[in-house]
Protein backbone atom coordinates (compact mmCIF):
# COMPACT_ATOMS: atom_id res chain seq x y z
CA MET A 1 33.84 187.26 94.08
CA LYS A 2 33.81 183.52 93.38
CA LYS A 3 30.07 183.72 92.74
CA LEU A 4 30.62 186.57 90.27
CA LEU A 5 33.34 184.59 88.45
CA TYR A 6 31.03 181.57 88.28
CA ILE A 7 28.24 183.67 86.77
CA LEU A 8 30.64 185.20 84.24
CA SER A 9 31.96 181.74 83.29
CA MET A 10 28.46 180.37 82.79
CA THR A 11 27.55 183.40 80.72
CA ALA A 12 30.55 182.81 78.47
CA VAL A 13 29.60 179.14 78.00
CA LEU A 14 26.04 180.08 77.11
CA MET A 15 27.26 182.69 74.62
CA MET A 16 29.55 180.10 72.98
CA PHE A 17 26.68 177.60 72.81
CA ALA A 18 24.41 180.17 71.21
CA ALA A 19 27.12 181.04 68.71
CA CYS A 20 27.49 177.38 67.77
CA GLN A 21 23.74 177.09 67.30
CA GLU A 22 23.70 180.18 65.11
CA GLU A 23 26.58 178.79 63.02
CA ASP A 24 24.74 175.49 62.63
CA LEU A 25 21.64 177.25 61.37
CA GLN A 26 23.72 179.15 58.86
CA LEU A 27 25.34 175.92 57.70
CA TRP A 28 21.90 174.45 57.04
CA GLY A 29 20.45 177.59 55.52
CA ASP A 30 18.82 178.10 52.17
CA GLU A 31 21.61 176.37 50.25
CA HIS A 32 20.68 172.93 48.88
CA HIS A 33 22.95 170.13 47.67
CA ILE A 34 21.79 167.23 45.51
CA TYR A 35 23.36 163.77 45.19
CA PHE A 36 22.41 160.17 44.42
CA GLU A 37 21.71 157.62 47.15
CA LYS A 38 24.22 155.13 45.73
CA PHE A 39 27.97 155.68 45.32
CA TYR A 40 29.15 155.40 41.73
CA LYS A 41 32.70 154.88 43.01
CA ASP A 42 34.18 153.87 46.36
CA ALA A 43 34.00 156.57 49.02
CA ALA A 44 37.19 158.46 49.77
CA ALA A 45 38.85 157.66 53.11
CA PRO A 46 37.80 157.53 55.88
CA GLY A 47 34.52 156.51 54.21
CA LYS A 48 33.98 152.77 53.69
CA GLU A 49 31.06 152.78 51.23
CA ARG A 50 31.55 150.79 48.02
CA ALA A 51 30.55 151.59 44.48
CA ASP A 52 27.13 150.30 43.50
CA SER A 53 24.99 150.29 40.37
CA THR A 54 21.30 150.04 39.51
CA LEU A 55 20.20 146.94 37.60
CA ALA A 56 17.50 147.20 34.93
CA SER A 57 16.64 143.88 33.31
CA PHE A 58 14.03 142.61 30.88
CA PHE A 59 14.44 139.16 32.38
CA PHE A 60 11.35 139.43 34.58
CA TYR A 61 9.16 140.78 31.77
CA THR A 62 7.41 139.04 28.92
CA ASP A 63 9.04 139.31 25.50
CA ASP A 64 6.56 141.91 24.26
CA VAL A 65 7.78 144.48 26.82
CA ASN A 66 10.31 146.73 25.09
CA GLU A 67 10.94 149.45 27.66
CA LEU A 68 11.22 149.72 31.43
CA ASN A 69 12.08 152.29 34.07
CA ALA A 70 15.32 152.32 36.04
CA ASN A 71 14.69 154.00 39.40
CA LEU A 72 17.34 156.29 40.85
CA VAL A 73 17.04 157.61 44.41
CA VAL A 74 18.19 161.21 44.82
CA ASN A 75 18.94 162.99 48.12
CA MET A 76 18.80 166.68 48.98
CA THR A 77 20.38 168.46 51.95
CA GLY A 78 19.34 171.80 53.39
CA ARG A 79 16.16 173.28 54.81
CA LEU A 80 12.88 171.63 53.92
CA LEU A 81 11.92 172.59 50.40
CA GLU A 82 9.08 175.04 50.00
CA GLY A 83 8.67 174.07 46.35
CA ASP A 84 9.91 171.63 43.73
CA ILE A 85 13.49 172.08 42.47
CA PRO A 86 14.40 171.22 38.85
CA PHE A 87 17.68 169.67 37.72
CA LYS A 88 19.04 167.80 34.72
CA LEU A 89 20.94 164.62 33.91
CA ARG A 90 23.87 164.35 31.52
CA VAL A 91 25.36 161.18 30.01
CA VAL A 92 28.98 160.48 30.95
CA ASP A 93 30.22 159.21 27.59
CA GLU A 94 33.51 157.75 28.81
CA MET A 95 31.65 155.59 31.35
CA THR A 96 28.80 154.52 29.04
CA THR A 97 28.53 151.56 26.64
CA ALA A 98 24.78 151.87 25.96
CA ASN A 99 23.73 153.20 22.58
CA SER A 100 21.48 156.25 22.36
CA ASP A 101 18.50 154.08 21.31
CA GLU A 102 18.74 152.06 24.54
CA TYR A 103 17.77 154.90 26.89
CA THR A 104 15.80 158.13 27.04
CA LEU A 105 16.58 161.04 29.35
CA GLN A 106 14.02 163.70 30.12
CA ASP A 107 14.89 167.29 29.27
CA GLN A 108 14.47 168.12 32.93
CA TYR A 109 13.79 166.29 36.20
CA VAL A 110 12.15 167.60 39.36
CA PHE A 111 13.01 166.99 43.01
CA ARG A 112 9.61 167.20 44.67
CA ALA A 113 9.09 168.98 47.98
CA HIS A 114 8.17 166.48 50.72
CA HIS A 115 7.22 168.12 54.02
CA VAL A 116 7.61 165.05 56.22
CA ASN A 117 8.62 166.88 59.40
CA ASP A 118 10.06 170.22 60.46
CA THR A 119 13.52 168.91 61.39
CA ALA A 120 14.43 166.86 58.30
CA ARG A 121 17.72 167.90 56.75
CA ASN A 122 18.07 165.02 54.29
CA GLN A 123 15.21 164.78 51.85
CA ARG A 124 14.76 161.98 49.32
CA ASP A 125 12.99 161.52 46.00
CA THR A 126 13.02 158.96 43.18
CA ILE A 127 13.40 159.66 39.47
CA THR A 128 13.23 157.25 36.56
CA VAL A 129 15.32 156.78 33.45
CA LYS A 130 13.56 154.93 30.62
CA MET A 131 15.55 152.01 29.20
CA HIS A 132 14.79 150.32 25.86
CA ARG A 133 15.21 146.75 24.63
CA SER A 134 17.59 146.32 21.72
CA ALA A 135 18.40 143.33 19.52
CA ARG A 136 22.05 143.24 20.54
CA LEU A 137 21.24 142.64 24.23
CA LYS A 138 20.70 138.94 23.55
CA ASP A 139 24.40 138.65 22.66
CA MET A 140 25.60 140.66 25.67
CA PRO A 141 25.22 138.56 28.83
CA ASN A 142 26.74 141.34 30.96
CA GLY A 143 24.48 143.96 29.43
CA VAL A 144 25.29 147.59 28.67
CA ARG A 145 26.14 150.44 31.02
CA LEU A 146 24.64 153.90 31.17
CA THR A 147 26.31 156.45 33.45
CA VAL A 148 24.59 159.75 34.14
CA GLU A 149 25.61 162.72 36.26
CA LEU A 150 23.57 165.38 38.00
CA VAL A 151 23.46 168.87 36.47
CA PRO A 152 22.26 171.56 38.93
CA ILE A 153 20.03 174.39 37.77
CA GLY A 154 20.10 177.86 39.32
CA ALA A 155 21.27 178.03 42.93
CA LEU A 156 21.23 174.25 43.41
CA LYS A 157 24.66 172.73 44.17
CA LEU A 158 26.18 169.28 43.87
CA GLY A 159 26.66 167.15 46.96
CA GLN A 160 29.23 164.46 47.77
CA THR A 161 31.56 163.89 44.81
CA GLU A 162 31.30 160.09 44.88
CA ARG A 163 27.51 160.35 44.55
CA THR A 164 27.11 162.91 41.78
CA ARG A 165 26.88 160.14 39.16
CA ALA A 166 24.78 157.00 38.83
CA VAL A 167 25.48 153.78 36.92
CA ILE A 168 22.64 151.79 35.33
CA ILE A 169 23.27 148.28 33.99
CA LEU A 170 20.75 147.13 31.36
CA THR A 171 20.49 143.39 30.62
CA ARG A 172 18.11 141.11 28.79
CA ASP A 173 18.85 137.92 30.72
CA ALA A 174 19.69 136.90 34.24
CA ILE A 175 22.96 135.36 35.28
CA LYS A 176 22.78 131.60 35.82
CA PRO A 177 22.12 130.90 39.54
CA GLU A 178 25.01 129.29 41.40
CA TRP A 179 22.70 126.56 42.71
CA TRP A 180 21.96 125.35 39.15
CA ASP A 181 24.83 122.87 39.25
CA SER A 182 25.31 119.52 37.52
CA GLN A 183 23.10 117.73 40.06
CA VAL A 184 20.22 120.16 39.48
CA GLU A 185 20.77 119.85 35.74
CA ASN A 186 20.74 116.03 35.77
CA ASN A 187 17.86 115.54 38.22
CA LEU A 188 15.59 118.56 37.84
CA PHE A 189 15.86 121.36 35.31
CA GLY A 190 17.97 119.88 32.58
CA LYS A 191 20.43 122.11 30.72
CA TYR A 192 20.33 125.76 31.76
CA SER A 193 18.96 128.41 29.46
CA SER A 194 17.93 131.94 30.31
CA ARG A 195 14.59 131.45 28.57
CA LYS A 196 13.82 128.27 30.55
CA TYR A 197 14.59 129.96 33.86
CA LYS A 198 12.55 133.01 32.83
CA LEU A 199 9.45 130.96 31.99
CA PHE A 200 9.79 129.05 35.26
CA LEU A 201 9.86 132.30 37.26
CA LEU A 202 7.12 134.00 35.28
CA TYR A 203 4.57 131.18 35.40
CA ILE A 204 5.54 128.82 38.24
CA ASP A 205 7.69 130.52 40.87
CA PRO A 206 7.29 134.32 40.61
CA GLN A 207 8.69 134.85 44.13
CA ALA A 208 11.84 132.87 43.25
CA THR A 209 11.40 130.55 46.24
CA LEU A 210 13.47 127.81 44.62
CA ASN A 211 16.99 128.50 45.82
CA ALA A 212 19.98 126.80 47.41
CA ASP A 213 18.26 126.61 50.81
CA MET A 214 15.21 124.81 49.39
CA LEU A 215 17.37 122.37 47.45
CA GLU A 216 19.30 121.50 50.59
CA ASN A 217 16.57 121.50 53.23
CA ALA A 218 13.32 120.84 51.34
CA PRO A 219 14.17 119.16 48.02
CA TYR A 220 10.63 117.74 47.79
CA LYS A 221 9.33 121.30 47.34
CA ALA A 222 11.72 121.80 44.45
CA ILE A 223 10.49 118.58 42.86
CA GLN A 224 6.87 119.73 43.24
CA LEU A 225 7.68 123.03 41.51
CA LEU A 226 9.47 121.26 38.66
CA ARG A 227 6.56 118.87 38.13
CA LYS A 228 4.23 121.87 37.86
CA PHE A 229 6.64 123.40 35.37
CA LYS A 230 6.77 120.20 33.36
CA GLN A 231 2.97 120.14 33.17
CA TRP A 232 2.92 123.82 32.14
CA LEU A 233 5.39 123.10 29.33
CA GLN A 234 3.16 120.30 28.06
CA GLU A 235 0.11 122.57 28.13
CA HIS A 236 1.85 125.46 26.33
CA PRO A 237 3.85 123.92 23.48
CA ASP A 238 3.90 127.22 21.58
CA LEU A 239 5.87 128.85 24.42
CA ALA A 240 7.79 125.78 25.57
CA VAL A 241 10.63 126.20 23.08
CA GLU A 242 14.19 127.41 23.37
CA GLU A 243 15.38 130.41 21.37
CA ASP A 244 16.61 128.12 18.60
CA GLY A 245 13.13 126.60 18.31
CA GLN A 246 13.98 123.30 20.01
CA PRO A 247 11.41 121.90 22.52
CA MET A 248 12.10 122.81 26.13
CA THR A 249 12.45 119.87 28.50
CA VAL A 250 13.10 119.16 32.18
CA ASN A 251 14.54 116.03 33.79
CA VAL A 252 12.24 115.59 36.77
């Protein structure tokens, strides 16, 4: 009798396990949800993720570049896609300060099918939003903001609420580095300007190795870089000018 009860109990457990498996498969059926990788606002409790934005800046480009791509990572849940799935983007006007001539949205975007493995439930793709340089950016150190939201097409559904929108910040210049203090100004770079820092990064230090750590632990390397920059300025007088036309100088 005990043996029979044991067998019946085990049978019930196995039936419950099978039912759970079947429910799990239904949960991850043909339905697909789309959402951005980044949170456009803080996650609701108990989530701890913080709002984040995507930076698009002309700072690391030469002045003749007038458009660039802002990359947005998009996630998809559900079974592995058997084919590409289209969707759209819509501008969120109340969260946008960019003018219509500072960005271009495609009529339709595509989430491409990536068959990485047979068990993947979260699939990922990257789309781009084209951003355009405008004259007013030079007077807007904090840049302009473009907020877009996902628009499903057909049977596609939206995913997590806090990730259905994406925020893109477009700037022309970089923010002055914290390490560019009065000592750096007096002994190395001279007065800060976005154009001076841009030329230094473009032609002398493209990997941005000069930072607070170098200044503290290897100042001789910083001096070597500034001497190279000084020589470059002397060899390129047509470029070595500030935006007001004044000659660009360094104090090393």
